[in-house]
């Protein structure tokens, strides 16, 4: 699914500014699909040109005016059609896996540091995801809850896999045995 379609999905919940849309990406689906302002604003312009969204300028005193976007009836229909299309296989892009893939080109100490860094990052992401989930969970419908639970499960599985495989890669006792 592309950025334009996801924006239509967010706007189907109500009008939003570009900033609100960026926050929606980051705070709801950011683990599995994120977009920068550099992708969001051109997509909004294109959606407006196609008649799928409208924008309204809200005058604010003491700060810049706010632009709010709203989905049109045509935009709702395009979104509905897009979410009906077949699911494509996921495209996994992982800086962590690329660095691990080329891990043999590092010294043993660098390998150990890299793997510990990967594990620490996954733990931080899990902690942040759990905190965000707890803070926002009352706002989720059952499908949104499923996606958050999937994200948390994925992070937990990644951590368990790293903990299991790291000793083999760095030739040291298992983390569970070392920390036990």
N, C-alpha and C. Protein backbone atom coordinates (compact mmCIF):
# COMPACT_ATOMS: atom_id res chain seq x y z
N UNK A 1 0.85 -1.17 0.00
CA UNK A 1 0.00 0.00 0.00
C UNK A 1 0.90 1.24 0.00
N UNK A 2 0.51 2.25 -0.73
CA UNK A 2 1.35 3.45 -0.84
C UNK A 2 0.94 4.52 0.18
N UNK A 3 1.76 5.56 0.29
CA UNK A 3 1.56 6.63 1.26
C UNK A 3 0.22 7.33 1.02
N UNK A 4 -0.14 7.55 -0.23
CA UNK A 4 -1.40 8.23 -0.54
C UNK A 4 -2.60 7.46 0.01
N UNK A 5 -2.60 6.17 -0.17
CA UNK A 5 -3.71 5.35 0.31
C UNK A 5 -3.79 5.36 1.83
N UNK A 6 -2.64 5.28 2.47
CA UNK A 6 -2.61 5.30 3.94
C UNK A 6 -3.12 6.65 4.45
N UNK A 7 -2.74 7.73 3.79
CA UNK A 7 -3.23 9.06 4.18
C UNK A 7 -4.75 9.10 4.05
N UNK A 8 -5.28 8.55 2.96
CA UNK A 8 -6.74 8.49 2.82
C UNK A 8 -7.36 7.72 3.99
N UNK A 9 -6.70 6.65 4.39
CA UNK A 9 -7.19 5.87 5.53
C UNK A 9 -7.23 6.69 6.80
N UNK A 10 -6.15 7.42 7.07
CA UNK A 10 -6.13 8.26 8.27
C UNK A 10 -7.21 9.34 8.18
N UNK A 11 -7.37 9.95 7.01
CA UNK A 11 -8.37 11.01 6.86
C UNK A 11 -9.80 10.47 6.93
N UNK A 12 -9.96 9.17 6.73
CA UNK A 12 -11.31 8.61 6.86
C UNK A 12 -11.79 8.66 8.31
N UNK A 13 -10.87 8.84 9.25
CA UNK A 13 -11.24 9.00 10.66
C UNK A 13 -11.62 10.44 10.99
N UNK A 14 -11.22 11.38 10.14
CA UNK A 14 -11.53 12.79 10.39
C UNK A 14 -10.46 13.68 9.81
N UNK A 15 -10.73 14.99 9.77
CA UNK A 15 -9.77 15.91 9.16
C UNK A 15 -8.51 16.00 10.00
N UNK A 16 -7.40 16.22 9.30
CA UNK A 16 -6.09 16.26 9.95
C UNK A 16 -5.19 17.24 9.21
N UNK A 17 -4.21 17.75 9.93
CA UNK A 17 -3.16 18.56 9.31
C UNK A 17 -2.05 17.61 8.86
N UNK A 18 -1.10 18.14 8.09
CA UNK A 18 0.05 17.33 7.70
C UNK A 18 0.80 16.81 8.91
N UNK A 19 0.93 17.67 9.92
CA UNK A 19 1.59 17.27 11.17
C UNK A 19 0.82 16.13 11.84
N UNK A 20 -0.50 16.26 11.90
CA UNK A 20 -1.33 15.20 12.49
C UNK A 20 -1.14 13.87 11.76
N UNK A 21 -1.06 13.95 10.43
CA UNK A 21 -0.87 12.74 9.63
C UNK A 21 0.49 12.11 9.94
N UNK A 22 1.52 12.93 10.05
CA UNK A 22 2.86 12.41 10.41
C UNK A 22 2.81 11.73 11.77
N UNK A 23 2.12 12.35 12.73
CA UNK A 23 1.98 11.75 14.06
C UNK A 23 1.21 10.43 13.98
N UNK A 24 0.19 10.38 13.13
CA UNK A 24 -0.57 9.15 12.96
C UNK A 24 0.33 8.03 12.42
N UNK A 25 1.17 8.36 11.44
CA UNK A 25 2.13 7.36 10.95
C UNK A 25 3.02 6.89 12.09
N UNK A 26 3.64 7.84 12.77
CA UNK A 26 4.63 7.50 13.80
C UNK A 26 4.00 6.75 14.97
N UNK A 27 2.82 7.17 15.40
CA UNK A 27 2.23 6.64 16.63
C UNK A 27 1.29 5.46 16.42
N UNK A 28 1.01 5.11 15.18
CA UNK A 28 0.09 3.99 15.00
C UNK A 28 0.66 2.87 14.15
N UNK A 29 1.27 3.21 13.03
CA UNK A 29 1.77 2.15 12.14
C UNK A 29 3.27 2.28 11.87
N UNK A 30 3.93 3.16 12.60
CA UNK A 30 5.34 3.46 12.36
C UNK A 30 6.27 2.27 12.41
N UNK A 31 5.91 1.23 13.18
CA UNK A 31 6.79 0.07 13.26
C UNK A 31 6.84 -0.67 11.93
N UNK A 32 5.74 -0.68 11.20
CA UNK A 32 5.72 -1.45 9.95
C UNK A 32 5.53 -0.59 8.71
N UNK A 33 5.25 0.72 8.89
CA UNK A 33 5.17 1.59 7.72
C UNK A 33 5.25 3.03 8.21
N UNK A 34 6.32 3.70 7.87
CA UNK A 34 6.47 5.09 8.28
C UNK A 34 6.67 5.96 7.06
N UNK A 35 6.38 7.23 7.21
CA UNK A 35 6.55 8.18 6.11
C UNK A 35 7.05 9.49 6.68
N UNK A 36 7.91 10.14 5.94
CA UNK A 36 8.47 11.43 6.35
C UNK A 36 7.55 12.55 5.85
N UNK A 37 7.78 13.76 6.37
CA UNK A 37 7.05 14.92 5.85
C UNK A 37 7.32 15.08 4.36
N UNK A 38 8.54 14.70 3.93
CA UNK A 38 8.92 14.79 2.52
C UNK A 38 8.12 13.86 1.63
N UNK A 39 7.49 12.85 2.20
CA UNK A 39 6.60 11.97 1.45
C UNK A 39 5.14 12.36 1.64
N UNK A 40 4.81 12.84 2.83
CA UNK A 40 3.41 13.15 3.16
C UNK A 40 2.90 14.36 2.38
N UNK A 41 3.65 15.47 2.40
CA UNK A 41 3.14 16.69 1.75
C UNK A 41 3.00 16.55 0.23
N UNK A 42 3.95 15.94 -0.48
CA UNK A 42 3.72 15.73 -1.92
C UNK A 42 2.51 14.81 -2.17
N UNK A 43 2.33 13.81 -1.32
CA UNK A 43 1.17 12.92 -1.47
C UNK A 43 -0.13 13.69 -1.25
N UNK A 44 -0.15 14.57 -0.26
CA UNK A 44 -1.35 15.39 -0.02
C UNK A 44 -1.66 16.29 -1.21
N UNK A 45 -0.60 16.90 -1.79
CA UNK A 45 -0.81 17.74 -2.98
C UNK A 45 -1.42 16.92 -4.12
N UNK A 46 -0.88 15.74 -4.33
CA UNK A 46 -1.38 14.87 -5.40
C UNK A 46 -2.82 14.44 -5.13
N UNK A 47 -3.12 14.09 -3.88
CA UNK A 47 -4.48 13.70 -3.52
C UNK A 47 -5.46 14.86 -3.75
N UNK A 48 -5.01 16.08 -3.46
CA UNK A 48 -5.86 17.25 -3.70
C UNK A 48 -6.08 17.46 -5.19
N UNK A 49 -5.00 17.33 -5.98
CA UNK A 49 -5.12 17.48 -7.44
C UNK A 49 -6.09 16.45 -8.02
N UNK A 50 -6.10 15.25 -7.45
CA UNK A 50 -6.96 14.17 -7.93
C UNK A 50 -8.39 14.28 -7.40
N UNK A 51 -8.64 15.28 -6.54
CA UNK A 51 -9.98 15.47 -5.99
C UNK A 51 -10.33 14.49 -4.89
N UNK A 52 -9.32 13.86 -4.29
CA UNK A 52 -9.58 12.86 -3.25
C UNK A 52 -9.57 13.46 -1.85
N UNK A 53 -8.97 14.64 -1.72
CA UNK A 53 -9.01 15.38 -0.45
C UNK A 53 -9.23 16.86 -0.76
N UNK A 54 -9.73 17.56 0.22
CA UNK A 54 -9.82 19.02 0.15
C UNK A 54 -9.01 19.57 1.31
N UNK A 55 -8.65 20.84 1.20
CA UNK A 55 -7.94 21.45 2.32
C UNK A 55 -8.61 22.75 2.69
N UNK A 56 -8.46 23.08 3.95
CA UNK A 56 -9.05 24.30 4.49
C UNK A 56 -7.99 24.95 5.37
N UNK A 57 -7.80 26.25 5.18
CA UNK A 57 -6.84 26.98 5.99
C UNK A 57 -7.55 27.53 7.21
N UNK A 58 -6.99 27.22 8.38
CA UNK A 58 -7.55 27.70 9.63
C UNK A 58 -6.65 28.82 10.13
N UNK A 59 -7.22 30.01 10.27
CA UNK A 59 -6.46 31.17 10.73
C UNK A 59 -6.21 31.04 12.22
N UNK A 60 -4.95 31.20 12.61
CA UNK A 60 -4.56 31.11 14.01
C UNK A 60 -3.82 32.39 14.39
N UNK A 61 -4.14 32.93 15.54
CA UNK A 61 -3.44 34.14 15.95
C UNK A 61 -2.18 33.77 16.71
N UNK A 62 -1.11 34.48 16.39
CA UNK A 62 0.16 34.27 17.08
C UNK A 62 0.98 33.10 16.59
N UNK A 63 0.47 32.37 15.62
CA UNK A 63 1.24 31.26 15.03
C UNK A 63 0.79 31.06 13.60
N UNK A 64 1.56 30.29 12.84
CA UNK A 64 1.20 30.11 11.42
C UNK A 64 -0.19 29.48 11.28
N UNK A 65 -0.84 29.82 10.18
CA UNK A 65 -2.15 29.23 9.89
C UNK A 65 -2.01 27.73 9.73
N UNK A 66 -3.08 27.02 10.03
CA UNK A 66 -3.08 25.57 9.98
C UNK A 66 -3.87 25.13 8.76
N UNK A 67 -3.34 24.17 8.04
CA UNK A 67 -4.04 23.58 6.88
C UNK A 67 -4.60 22.23 7.33
N UNK A 68 -5.92 22.10 7.23
CA UNK A 68 -6.57 20.84 7.56
C UNK A 68 -7.06 20.17 6.28
N UNK A 69 -6.80 18.89 6.19
CA UNK A 69 -7.20 18.10 5.02
C UNK A 69 -8.39 17.23 5.40
N UNK A 70 -9.29 17.06 4.43
CA UNK A 70 -10.48 16.25 4.64
C UNK A 70 -10.67 15.36 3.42
N UNK A 71 -11.04 14.12 3.65
CA UNK A 71 -11.26 13.18 2.56
C UNK A 71 -12.60 13.50 1.88
N UNK A 72 -12.64 13.37 0.57
CA UNK A 72 -13.88 13.58 -0.19
C UNK A 72 -14.60 12.24 -0.34
N UNK A 73 -15.82 12.28 -0.84
CA UNK A 73 -16.56 11.05 -1.12
C UNK A 73 -15.78 10.19 -2.12
N UNK A 74 -15.21 10.83 -3.13
CA UNK A 74 -14.40 10.10 -4.12
C UNK A 74 -13.18 9.49 -3.45
N UNK A 75 -12.57 10.23 -2.52
CA UNK A 75 -11.42 9.71 -1.78
C UNK A 75 -11.78 8.49 -0.95
N UNK A 76 -12.96 8.53 -0.32
CA UNK A 76 -13.43 7.38 0.46
C UNK A 76 -13.61 6.16 -0.43
N UNK A 77 -14.14 6.38 -1.62
CA UNK A 77 -14.36 5.26 -2.54
C UNK A 77 -13.02 4.70 -3.03
N UNK A 78 -12.07 5.57 -3.36
CA UNK A 78 -10.74 5.11 -3.78
C UNK A 78 -10.07 4.32 -2.66
N UNK A 79 -10.17 4.82 -1.43
CA UNK A 79 -9.59 4.10 -0.29
C UNK A 79 -10.24 2.74 -0.14
N UNK A 80 -11.56 2.70 -0.20
CA UNK A 80 -12.28 1.43 -0.07
C UNK A 80 -11.83 0.43 -1.13
N UNK A 81 -11.66 0.89 -2.37
CA UNK A 81 -11.20 0.02 -3.45
C UNK A 81 -9.77 -0.46 -3.21
N UNK A 82 -8.91 0.44 -2.75
CA UNK A 82 -7.50 0.09 -2.53
C UNK A 82 -7.34 -0.96 -1.43
N UNK A 83 -8.12 -0.86 -0.37
CA UNK A 83 -7.96 -1.85 0.70
C UNK A 83 -8.56 -3.19 0.34
N UNK A 84 -9.30 -3.24 -0.78
CA UNK A 84 -9.86 -4.50 -1.27
C UNK A 84 -8.87 -5.27 -2.15
N UNK A 85 -7.78 -4.62 -2.57
CA UNK A 85 -6.82 -5.28 -3.46
C UNK A 85 -6.09 -6.39 -2.71
N UNK A 86 -5.55 -7.38 -3.42
CA UNK A 86 -4.83 -8.48 -2.77
C UNK A 86 -3.64 -7.97 -1.94
N UNK A 87 -3.37 -8.68 -0.87
CA UNK A 87 -2.23 -8.36 0.00
C UNK A 87 -0.94 -8.79 -0.69
N UNK A 88 0.01 -7.89 -0.72
CA UNK A 88 1.31 -8.18 -1.32
C UNK A 88 2.25 -8.74 -0.26
N UNK A 89 3.25 -9.53 -0.69
CA UNK A 89 4.23 -10.02 0.29
C UNK A 89 4.95 -8.84 0.93
N UNK A 90 5.28 -8.97 2.22
CA UNK A 90 5.98 -7.85 2.88
C UNK A 90 7.37 -7.63 2.30
N UNK A 91 7.77 -6.37 2.29
CA UNK A 91 9.12 -6.00 1.87
C UNK A 91 9.88 -5.66 3.14
N UNK A 92 10.83 -6.49 3.48
CA UNK A 92 11.59 -6.28 4.70
C UNK A 92 12.89 -5.56 4.39
N UNK A 93 13.05 -4.40 4.98
CA UNK A 93 14.30 -3.65 4.89
C UNK A 93 14.80 -3.49 6.30
N UNK A 94 15.94 -4.09 6.61
CA UNK A 94 16.44 -4.05 7.98
C UNK A 94 17.92 -3.71 7.99
N UNK A 95 18.22 -2.54 8.49
CA UNK A 95 19.61 -2.14 8.67
C UNK A 95 20.32 -3.14 9.59
N UNK A 96 19.61 -3.59 10.62
CA UNK A 96 20.19 -4.55 11.56
C UNK A 96 20.61 -5.83 10.85
N UNK A 97 19.72 -6.40 10.03
CA UNK A 97 20.06 -7.66 9.37
C UNK A 97 21.18 -7.50 8.34
N UNK A 98 21.22 -6.36 7.66
CA UNK A 98 22.31 -6.12 6.71
C UNK A 98 23.64 -6.07 7.46
N UNK A 99 23.68 -5.38 8.58
CA UNK A 99 24.92 -5.30 9.36
C UNK A 99 25.33 -6.66 9.91
N UNK A 100 24.35 -7.44 10.38
CA UNK A 100 24.67 -8.78 10.86
C UNK A 100 25.14 -9.66 9.69
N UNK A 101 24.51 -9.54 8.53
CA UNK A 101 24.89 -10.32 7.36
C UNK A 101 26.37 -10.15 7.04
N UNK A 102 26.87 -8.93 7.16
CA UNK A 102 28.27 -8.65 6.87
C UNK A 102 29.14 -8.64 8.13
N UNK A 103 28.66 -9.27 9.18
CA UNK A 103 29.36 -9.28 10.46
C UNK A 103 30.73 -9.90 10.43
N UNK A 104 30.97 -10.85 9.54
CA UNK A 104 32.29 -11.51 9.45
C UNK A 104 33.40 -10.53 9.12
N UNK A 105 33.05 -9.38 8.55
CA UNK A 105 34.08 -8.40 8.18
C UNK A 105 34.51 -7.55 9.38
N UNK A 106 33.98 -7.82 10.54
CA UNK A 106 34.33 -7.08 11.76
C UNK A 106 35.21 -7.93 12.66
N UNK A 107 35.88 -7.26 13.55
CA UNK A 107 36.69 -7.99 14.54
C UNK A 107 35.73 -8.66 15.53
N UNK A 108 36.20 -9.66 16.27
CA UNK A 108 35.32 -10.31 17.26
C UNK A 108 34.72 -9.32 18.26
N UNK A 109 35.50 -8.36 18.70
CA UNK A 109 34.98 -7.36 19.64
C UNK A 109 33.91 -6.49 18.98
N UNK A 110 34.15 -6.10 17.73
CA UNK A 110 33.16 -5.31 16.99
C UNK A 110 31.87 -6.13 16.75
N UNK A 111 32.04 -7.42 16.46
CA UNK A 111 30.87 -8.28 16.27
C UNK A 111 30.03 -8.33 17.54
N UNK A 112 30.70 -8.54 18.66
CA UNK A 112 30.01 -8.61 19.95
C UNK A 112 29.29 -7.28 20.24
N UNK A 113 29.98 -6.17 20.03
CA UNK A 113 29.37 -4.85 20.26
C UNK A 113 28.16 -4.62 19.35
N UNK A 114 28.30 -5.02 18.09
CA UNK A 114 27.21 -4.85 17.13
C UNK A 114 25.98 -5.65 17.58
N UNK A 115 26.18 -6.91 17.94
CA UNK A 115 25.06 -7.75 18.34
C UNK A 115 24.42 -7.25 19.63
N UNK A 116 25.23 -6.80 20.57
CA UNK A 116 24.68 -6.23 21.81
C UNK A 116 23.90 -4.96 21.50
N UNK A 117 24.40 -4.17 20.57
CA UNK A 117 23.71 -2.95 20.15
C UNK A 117 22.36 -3.29 19.50
N UNK A 118 22.35 -4.32 18.66
CA UNK A 118 21.10 -4.76 18.02
C UNK A 118 20.10 -5.20 19.09
N UNK A 119 20.57 -5.98 20.05
CA UNK A 119 19.69 -6.47 21.11
C UNK A 119 19.16 -5.31 21.95
N UNK A 120 20.02 -4.38 22.30
CA UNK A 120 19.60 -3.23 23.10
C UNK A 120 18.58 -2.38 22.35
N UNK A 121 18.78 -2.19 21.06
CA UNK A 121 17.84 -1.41 20.26
C UNK A 121 16.47 -2.09 20.23
N UNK A 122 16.45 -3.39 20.04
CA UNK A 122 15.18 -4.13 20.02
C UNK A 122 14.48 -4.02 21.38
N UNK A 123 15.25 -4.10 22.46
CA UNK A 123 14.66 -3.97 23.80
C UNK A 123 14.08 -2.58 24.01
N UNK A 124 14.79 -1.55 23.54
CA UNK A 124 14.27 -0.17 23.64
C UNK A 124 12.99 -0.02 22.84
N UNK A 125 12.99 -0.57 21.63
CA UNK A 125 11.79 -0.48 20.78
C UNK A 125 10.61 -1.20 21.44
N UNK A 126 10.88 -2.34 22.07
CA UNK A 126 9.83 -3.08 22.75
C UNK A 126 9.29 -2.26 23.93
N UNK A 127 10.18 -1.69 24.70
CA UNK A 127 9.76 -0.87 25.83
C UNK A 127 8.92 0.32 25.37
N UNK A 128 9.36 0.99 24.30
CA UNK A 128 8.60 2.12 23.77
C UNK A 128 7.24 1.67 23.22
N UNK A 129 7.22 0.55 22.52
CA UNK A 129 5.98 0.04 21.96
C UNK A 129 4.99 -0.34 23.05
N UNK A 130 5.48 -1.00 24.09
CA UNK A 130 4.59 -1.36 25.20
C UNK A 130 4.03 -0.11 25.88
N UNK A 131 4.88 0.89 26.09
CA UNK A 131 4.43 2.14 26.73
C UNK A 131 3.40 2.85 25.86
N UNK A 132 3.65 2.93 24.56
CA UNK A 132 2.70 3.58 23.65
C UNK A 132 1.39 2.81 23.60
N UNK A 133 1.49 1.49 23.55
CA UNK A 133 0.29 0.65 23.51
C UNK A 133 -0.56 0.89 24.75
N UNK A 134 0.09 0.87 25.91
CA UNK A 134 -0.62 1.07 27.17
C UNK A 134 -1.31 2.44 27.19
N UNK A 135 -0.63 3.45 26.68
CA UNK A 135 -1.15 4.81 26.69
C UNK A 135 -2.34 4.97 25.72
N UNK A 136 -2.28 4.28 24.58
CA UNK A 136 -3.25 4.50 23.51
C UNK A 136 -4.30 3.40 23.35
N UNK A 137 -4.16 2.29 24.08
CA UNK A 137 -4.96 1.09 23.78
C UNK A 137 -6.47 1.30 23.88
N UNK A 138 -6.94 2.22 24.69
CA UNK A 138 -8.38 2.43 24.80
C UNK A 138 -8.96 3.07 23.54
N UNK A 139 -8.10 3.66 22.71
CA UNK A 139 -8.54 4.29 21.47
C UNK A 139 -8.61 3.31 20.29
N UNK A 140 -8.03 2.13 20.44
CA UNK A 140 -7.91 1.19 19.33
C UNK A 140 -9.16 0.37 19.13
N UNK A 141 -9.46 0.11 17.84
CA UNK A 141 -10.46 -0.90 17.56
C UNK A 141 -9.73 -2.25 17.55
N UNK A 142 -10.46 -3.34 17.36
CA UNK A 142 -9.84 -4.67 17.45
C UNK A 142 -8.79 -4.91 16.38
N UNK A 143 -8.91 -4.26 15.24
CA UNK A 143 -7.93 -4.45 14.17
C UNK A 143 -6.65 -3.68 14.47
N UNK A 144 -6.80 -2.48 15.00
CA UNK A 144 -5.63 -1.69 15.40
C UNK A 144 -4.92 -2.38 16.56
N UNK A 145 -5.68 -2.91 17.51
CA UNK A 145 -5.10 -3.66 18.64
C UNK A 145 -4.29 -4.85 18.11
N UNK A 146 -4.85 -5.56 17.12
CA UNK A 146 -4.14 -6.68 16.51
C UNK A 146 -2.78 -6.24 15.99
N UNK A 147 -2.72 -5.11 15.28
CA UNK A 147 -1.45 -4.64 14.71
C UNK A 147 -0.45 -4.28 15.79
N UNK A 148 -0.92 -3.66 16.87
CA UNK A 148 -0.01 -3.33 17.98
C UNK A 148 0.49 -4.60 18.67
N UNK A 149 -0.41 -5.54 18.89
CA UNK A 149 0.00 -6.80 19.52
C UNK A 149 0.96 -7.56 18.61
N UNK A 150 0.75 -7.52 17.32
CA UNK A 150 1.66 -8.14 16.35
C UNK A 150 3.04 -7.51 16.47
N UNK A 151 3.08 -6.18 16.53
CA UNK A 151 4.35 -5.46 16.65
C UNK A 151 5.09 -5.89 17.91
N UNK A 152 4.39 -5.91 19.03
CA UNK A 152 5.01 -6.30 20.30
C UNK A 152 5.49 -7.74 20.23
N UNK A 153 4.67 -8.62 19.68
CA UNK A 153 5.07 -10.03 19.53
C UNK A 153 6.31 -10.15 18.64
N UNK A 154 6.34 -9.40 17.55
CA UNK A 154 7.49 -9.42 16.64
C UNK A 154 8.77 -9.00 17.38
N UNK A 155 8.69 -7.93 18.14
CA UNK A 155 9.86 -7.46 18.89
C UNK A 155 10.28 -8.48 19.94
N UNK A 156 9.33 -9.06 20.64
CA UNK A 156 9.66 -10.10 21.64
C UNK A 156 10.34 -11.29 20.97
N UNK A 157 9.84 -11.69 19.82
CA UNK A 157 10.42 -12.82 19.08
C UNK A 157 11.82 -12.50 18.59
N UNK A 158 12.01 -11.28 18.11
CA UNK A 158 13.34 -10.86 17.64
C UNK A 158 14.32 -10.88 18.79
N UNK A 159 13.92 -10.38 19.94
CA UNK A 159 14.80 -10.38 21.12
C UNK A 159 15.15 -11.80 21.52
N UNK A 160 14.16 -12.68 21.59
CA UNK A 160 14.41 -14.07 21.96
C UNK A 160 15.35 -14.74 20.96
N UNK A 161 15.16 -14.47 19.67
CA UNK A 161 16.02 -15.06 18.64
C UNK A 161 17.46 -14.55 18.76
N UNK A 162 17.61 -13.24 18.97
CA UNK A 162 18.95 -12.68 19.16
C UNK A 162 19.63 -13.27 20.39
N UNK A 163 18.88 -13.37 21.48
CA UNK A 163 19.45 -13.94 22.71
C UNK A 163 19.88 -15.39 22.50
N UNK A 164 19.10 -16.13 21.72
CA UNK A 164 19.42 -17.54 21.45
C UNK A 164 20.63 -17.67 20.54
N UNK A 165 20.74 -16.85 19.52
CA UNK A 165 21.77 -17.00 18.49
C UNK A 165 23.07 -16.26 18.78
N UNK A 166 23.02 -15.22 19.60
CA UNK A 166 24.23 -14.43 19.86
C UNK A 166 25.39 -15.27 20.39
N UNK A 167 25.16 -16.18 21.34
CA UNK A 167 26.30 -16.95 21.86
C UNK A 167 27.05 -17.72 20.77
N UNK A 168 26.34 -18.24 19.80
CA UNK A 168 26.97 -18.97 18.70
C UNK A 168 27.81 -18.02 17.86
N UNK A 169 27.29 -16.84 17.63
CA UNK A 169 28.00 -15.86 16.79
C UNK A 169 29.20 -15.27 17.51
N UNK A 170 29.09 -15.03 18.81
CA UNK A 170 30.20 -14.42 19.54
C UNK A 170 30.96 -15.40 20.40
N UNK A 171 30.59 -16.68 20.32
CA UNK A 171 31.29 -17.77 21.02
C UNK A 171 31.38 -17.53 22.52
N UNK A 172 30.22 -17.29 23.15
CA UNK A 172 30.19 -17.11 24.59
C UNK A 172 28.96 -17.82 25.14
N UNK A 173 28.85 -18.00 26.46
CA UNK A 173 27.68 -18.67 27.02
C UNK A 173 26.38 -17.95 26.68
N UNK A 174 25.31 -18.69 26.65
CA UNK A 174 24.00 -18.11 26.35
C UNK A 174 23.66 -17.00 27.33
N UNK A 175 22.96 -15.97 26.84
CA UNK A 175 22.60 -14.82 27.69
C UNK A 175 21.76 -15.25 28.89
N UNK A 176 20.82 -16.17 28.66
CA UNK A 176 19.97 -16.60 29.77
C UNK A 176 20.79 -17.30 30.85
N UNK A 177 21.80 -18.07 30.43
CA UNK A 177 22.67 -18.76 31.39
C UNK A 177 23.60 -17.75 32.07
N UNK A 178 24.08 -16.77 31.31
CA UNK A 178 25.01 -15.78 31.86
C UNK A 178 24.30 -14.84 32.83
N UNK A 179 23.01 -14.53 32.55
CA UNK A 179 22.30 -13.58 33.41
C UNK A 179 21.57 -14.29 34.55
N UNK A 180 21.46 -15.62 34.48
CA UNK A 180 20.68 -16.39 35.45
C UNK A 180 21.35 -16.54 36.72
